[in-house]
Amino acid sequence: MATGETVFSDVAFDLISVQYHALKAGYEAGRYVRDAEHAGDREAAAFFRTVMAEDSARAEQCHRLLKRLTATAGAVQPGGQDVGGGGDGARAGEEQDGDGATWFQEAGRA
């Protein structure tokens, strides 16, 4: 993707894409494991389990890299509005835990 087309860097977009495809492939490999087991092919089932584990590791690595990327350099929308990386990262009505996960507060609750 060309630089400047989104508020995300090319690296962030690429990591998101790789993570998505790794998760999707891992999900599909689970079906392949079941197919191989149903056919009685233990070797193929073991191979597909390896594929699932590799895809899972790839998705986890993307997640770690994305967390690091978004923690070190927030994206900025046109007009200078910070969309990540600034302050605690929480917007109005949100809270953020120690790992950077953000959730919305229910109305009227602290």
C-alpha atoms as a PDB file:
ATOM      1  CA  MET A   1       0.000   0.000   0.000  1.00  0.00           C
ATOM      2  CA  ALA A   2       1.368   3.415  -0.875  1.00  0.00           C
ATOM      3  CA  THR A   3       2.389   5.713   1.953  1.00  0.00           C
ATOM      4  CA  GLY A   4      -0.190   8.356   2.834  1.00  0.00           C
ATOM      5  CA  GLU A   5      -3.264   6.389   1.767  1.00  0.00           C
ATOM      6  CA  THR A   6      -4.276   5.601   5.370  1.00  0.00           C
ATOM      7  CA  VAL A   7      -3.505   6.825   8.862  1.00  0.00           C
ATOM      8  CA  PHE A   8      -1.504   3.624   9.388  1.00  0.00           C
ATOM      9  CA  SER A   9       2.079   3.143   8.326  1.00  0.00           C
ATOM     10  CA  ASP A  10       2.885   0.653   5.584  1.00  0.00           C
ATOM     11  CA  VAL A  11       4.546  -1.544   8.212  1.00  0.00           C
ATOM     12  CA  ALA A  12       1.429  -1.586  10.399  1.00  0.00           C
ATOM     13  CA  PHE A  13      -0.769  -2.405   7.414  1.00  0.00           C
ATOM     14  CA  ASP A  14       1.601  -5.172   6.338  1.00  0.00           C
ATOM     15  CA  LEU A  15       1.694  -6.677   9.842  1.00  0.00           C
ATOM     16  CA  ILE A  16      -2.089  -6.594  10.084  1.00  0.00           C
ATOM     17  CA  SER A  17      -2.339  -8.303   6.703  1.00  0.00           C
ATOM     18  CA  VAL A  18       0.159 -11.030   7.621  1.00  0.00           C
ATOM     19  CA  GLN A  19      -1.566 -11.559  10.971  1.00  0.00           C
ATOM     20  CA  TYR A  20      -4.978 -11.860   9.331  1.00  0.00           C
ATOM     21  CA  HIS A  21      -3.749 -14.370   6.766  1.00  0.00           C
ATOM     22  CA  ALA A  22      -1.872 -16.411   9.394  1.00  0.00           C
ATOM     23  CA  LEU A  23      -4.991 -16.603  11.584  1.00  0.00           C
ATOM     24  CA  LYS A  24      -7.186 -17.523   8.624  1.00  0.00           C
ATOM     25  CA  ALA A  25      -4.732 -20.189   7.437  1.00  0.00           C
ATOM     26  CA  GLY A  26      -4.453 -21.631  10.943  1.00  0.00           C
ATOM     27  CA  TYR A  27      -8.216 -21.829  11.184  1.00  0.00           C
ATOM     28  CA  GLU A  28      -8.418 -23.640   7.850  1.00  0.00           C
ATOM     29  CA  ALA A  29      -5.596 -26.001   8.853  1.00  0.00           C
ATOM     30  CA  GLY A  30      -7.775 -27.142  11.758  1.00  0.00           C
ATOM     31  CA  ARG A  31     -10.298 -28.372   9.229  1.00  0.00           C
ATOM     32  CA  TYR A  32      -7.519 -30.117   7.314  1.00  0.00           C
ATOM     33  CA  VAL A  33      -6.431 -31.886  10.513  1.00  0.00           C
ATOM     34  CA  ARG A  34      -9.970 -33.189  10.986  1.00  0.00           C
ATOM     35  CA  ASP A  35     -10.141 -34.291   7.341  1.00  0.00           C
ATOM     36  CA  ALA A  36      -6.836 -36.170   7.626  1.00  0.00           C
ATOM     37  CA  GLU A  37      -7.857 -37.779  10.914  1.00  0.00           C
ATOM     38  CA  HIS A  38     -11.199 -38.819   9.417  1.00  0.00           C
ATOM     39  CA  ALA A  39      -9.313 -40.393   6.492  1.00  0.00           C
ATOM     40  CA  GLY A  40      -6.982 -42.172   8.945  1.00  0.00           C
ATOM     41  CA  ASP A  41      -3.897 -40.355   7.627  1.00  0.00           C
ATOM     42  CA  ARG A  42      -1.892 -39.663  10.781  1.00  0.00           C
ATOM     43  CA  GLU A  43       1.113 -38.281   8.899  1.00  0.00           C
ATOM     44  CA  ALA A  44      -0.992 -35.684   7.085  1.00  0.00           C
ATOM     45  CA  ALA A  45      -2.780 -34.806  10.332  1.00  0.00           C
ATOM     46  CA  ALA A  46       0.593 -34.254  12.042  1.00  0.00           C
ATOM     47  CA  PHE A  47       1.734 -32.094   9.124  1.00  0.00           C
ATOM     48  CA  PHE A  48      -1.400 -29.930   9.363  1.00  0.00           C
ATOM     49  CA  ARG A  49      -0.908 -29.568  13.129  1.00  0.00           C
ATOM     50  CA  THR A  50       2.612 -28.271  12.401  1.00  0.00           C
ATOM     51  CA  VAL A  51       1.153 -25.814   9.889  1.00  0.00           C
ATOM     52  CA  MET A  52      -1.352 -24.644  12.532  1.00  0.00           C
ATOM     53  CA  ALA A  53       1.419 -24.141  15.101  1.00  0.00           C
ATOM     54  CA  GLU A  54       3.558 -22.179  12.626  1.00  0.00           C
ATOM     55  CA  ASP A  55       0.619 -19.971  11.639  1.00  0.00           C
ATOM     56  CA  SER A  56      -0.213 -19.388  15.302  1.00  0.00           C
ATOM     57  CA  ALA A  57       3.392 -18.399  16.059  1.00  0.00           C
ATOM     58  CA  ARG A  58       3.400 -16.065  13.040  1.00  0.00           C
ATOM     59  CA  ALA A  59       0.172 -14.374  14.182  1.00  0.00           C
ATOM     60  CA  GLU A  60       1.526 -13.992  17.738  1.00  0.00           C
ATOM     61  CA  GLN A  61       4.748 -12.426  16.443  1.00  0.00           C
ATOM     62  CA  CYS A  62       2.730  -9.976  14.340  1.00  0.00           C
ATOM     63  CA  HIS A  63       0.703  -9.096  17.440  1.00  0.00           C
ATOM     64  CA  ARG A  64       3.869  -8.364  19.438  1.00  0.00           C
ATOM     65  CA  LEU A  65       5.313  -6.263  16.615  1.00  0.00           C
ATOM     66  CA  LEU A  66       2.063  -4.323  16.244  1.00  0.00           C
ATOM     67  CA  LYS A  67       1.959  -3.612  19.986  1.00  0.00           C
ATOM     68  CA  ARG A  68       5.519  -2.321  19.839  1.00  0.00           C
ATOM     69  CA  LEU A  69       4.856  -0.268  16.719  1.00  0.00           C
ATOM     70  CA  THR A  70       1.709   1.366  18.077  1.00  0.00           C
ATOM     71  CA  ALA A  71       3.336   2.039  21.451  1.00  0.00           C
ATOM     72  CA  THR A  72       6.358   3.787  19.949  1.00  0.00           C
ATOM     73  CA  ALA A  73       4.858   5.787  17.087  1.00  0.00           C
ATOM     74  CA  GLY A  74       1.197   6.745  17.053  1.00  0.00           C
ATOM     75  CA  ALA A  75      -0.522   7.348  13.770  1.00  0.00           C
ATOM     76  CA  VAL A  76      -1.750  10.872  13.119  1.00  0.00           C
ATOM     77  CA  GLN A  77      -4.889  11.646  11.139  1.00  0.00           C
ATOM     78  CA  PRO A  78      -4.924  14.519   8.672  1.00  0.00           C
ATOM     79  CA  GLY A  79      -5.273  17.726  10.656  1.00  0.00           C
ATOM     80  CA  GLY A  80      -2.977  16.467  13.415  1.00  0.00           C
ATOM     81  CA  GLN A  81      -5.451  14.407  15.458  1.00  0.00           C
ATOM     82  CA  ASP A  82      -3.539  11.709  17.352  1.00  0.00           C
ATOM     83  CA  VAL A  83      -5.016   8.240  16.835  1.00  0.00           C
ATOM     84  CA  GLY A  84      -2.554   6.252  18.898  1.00  0.00           C
ATOM     85  CA  GLY A  85       0.644   6.383  20.860  1.00  0.00           C
ATOM     86  CA  GLY A  86      -0.076   9.681  22.602  1.00  0.00           C
ATOM     87  CA  GLY A  87      -0.878   9.982  26.287  1.00  0.00           C
ATOM     88  CA  ASP A  88      -2.334   6.808  27.752  1.00  0.00           C
ATOM     89  CA  GLY A  89      -4.031   5.956  24.457  1.00  0.00           C
ATOM     90  CA  ALA A  90      -7.522   6.048  25.941  1.00  0.00           C
ATOM     91  CA  ARG A  91     -10.261   8.238  24.519  1.00  0.00           C
ATOM     92  CA  ALA A  92     -13.245   9.701  26.340  1.00  0.00           C
ATOM     93  CA  GLY A  93     -15.312   6.914  27.876  1.00  0.00           C
ATOM     94  CA  GLU A  94     -12.475   4.406  27.681  1.00  0.00           C
ATOM     95  CA  GLU A  95      -9.990   2.996  30.123  1.00  0.00           C
ATOM     96  CA  GLN A  96      -6.720   1.267  29.417  1.00  0.00           C
ATOM     97  CA  ASP A  97      -5.109  -1.545  31.416  1.00  0.00           C
ATOM     98  CA  GLY A  98      -1.388  -2.051  32.038  1.00  0.00           C
ATOM     99  CA  ASP A  99      -0.963  -4.088  28.820  1.00  0.00           C
ATOM    100  CA  GLY A 100      -2.430  -1.333  26.675  1.00  0.00           C
ATOM    101  CA  ALA A 101      -5.784  -3.064  26.162  1.00  0.00           C
ATOM    102  CA  THR A 102      -8.610  -0.557  25.967  1.00  0.00           C
ATOM    103  CA  TRP A 103     -12.248  -1.095  26.841  1.00  0.00           C
ATOM    104  CA  PHE A 104     -15.267   1.159  27.006  1.00  0.00           C
ATOM    105  CA  GLN A 105     -16.755   2.020  30.385  1.00  0.00           C
ATOM    106  CA  GLU A 106     -20.445   1.499  30.808  1.00  0.00           C
ATOM    107  CA  ALA A 107     -22.364   4.732  31.260  1.00  0.00           C
ATOM    108  CA  GLY A 108     -22.505   5.823  34.893  1.00  0.00           C
ATOM    109  CA  ARG A 109     -19.839   3.401  36.125  1.00  0.00           C
ATOM    110  CA  ALA A 110     -16.352   4.348  37.230  1.00  0.00           C
END
